[in-house]
Amino acid sequence: MKIWEHTAQELLELPLPDLSLLVLADFKEGGGWNQWNWLNSADQMHRDQTATSGVMERLAEAWSWLDSRTFVSRLPGQNSPDSRRVSSEGERALAMGLGRLHAAERLEGELLPDLGKAKRQFLQGDYEEAVFAAFRKVEEVVRERSGMAAGDLGVSLMRKAFKPDGGPLADQNAEAGEKEALSGLFAGALGTFKNPSSHRTVTYDDPMVAAEAVLLADLLLRLLNRRSVSP
């Protein structure tokens, strides 16, 4: 649906990312080059919507949101501070839609530095590689901290490292059920998100699933950071 097919109330209630992408699509379709001109034209041509209090302010907020995400940038060769062009990131957002946009926002928090590569791959739209890289990092950290051999991989590595009875990363002060649950958490995560990509191409049709998988890897790494190897 195009932006001006929405009522004024709908424009006020749309989440800002959704509204912003509609603004961007309309700006591109109209061959726009200037943010202020677009806002002025919108106010003149769609007064039935923009006359409602708060709509123009909301559209201005959408432009600020687009600027902050670098979905638009200054137009080279133009002196006006309001000149704008759709950036490569903006083109990618328009092509991939709101699903990717919302999923990418899930990763805007402070991921651990170890997941920098996974985040970059996700933002490039390479979801399979992003998830694989995230859980490969979990595997590497577990192997290093548990002192396991290079040949210990995936689910087997997790089961050895977190073995309730004597595993180097098991919390021997925890209840038996808790130790088993932690072993299952790490083994299940690696078995679900890393092992399949090691053997075949895995397609993530829903970018939100890929984003949540990367966040799960972040959680596992944070849990690892809270514990030390058993003596």
Foldseek 3Di string as FASTA:
>chain_A
DAPLVDALVCLVPDPLVVNLLNLVVVCVVVVHFFQVVSLVVCCVVRVRNVVPPPNSVSVVVSVVVCVVVPQWDADPPDPDPRTIDGDPLVVVCNVVDDLLVVLLVLVPPDFPPQLPVLNVCSSVVNLLVSLQSLLVSLQVVLCVQQVHDPPQDALSSLCQCLVQPDRFFHDVVDDSVVSVVSSCLSNVLRVVRHVVSVPDDDDDPGSNVSSVSSVSSSVSVVVSVVTHTDD
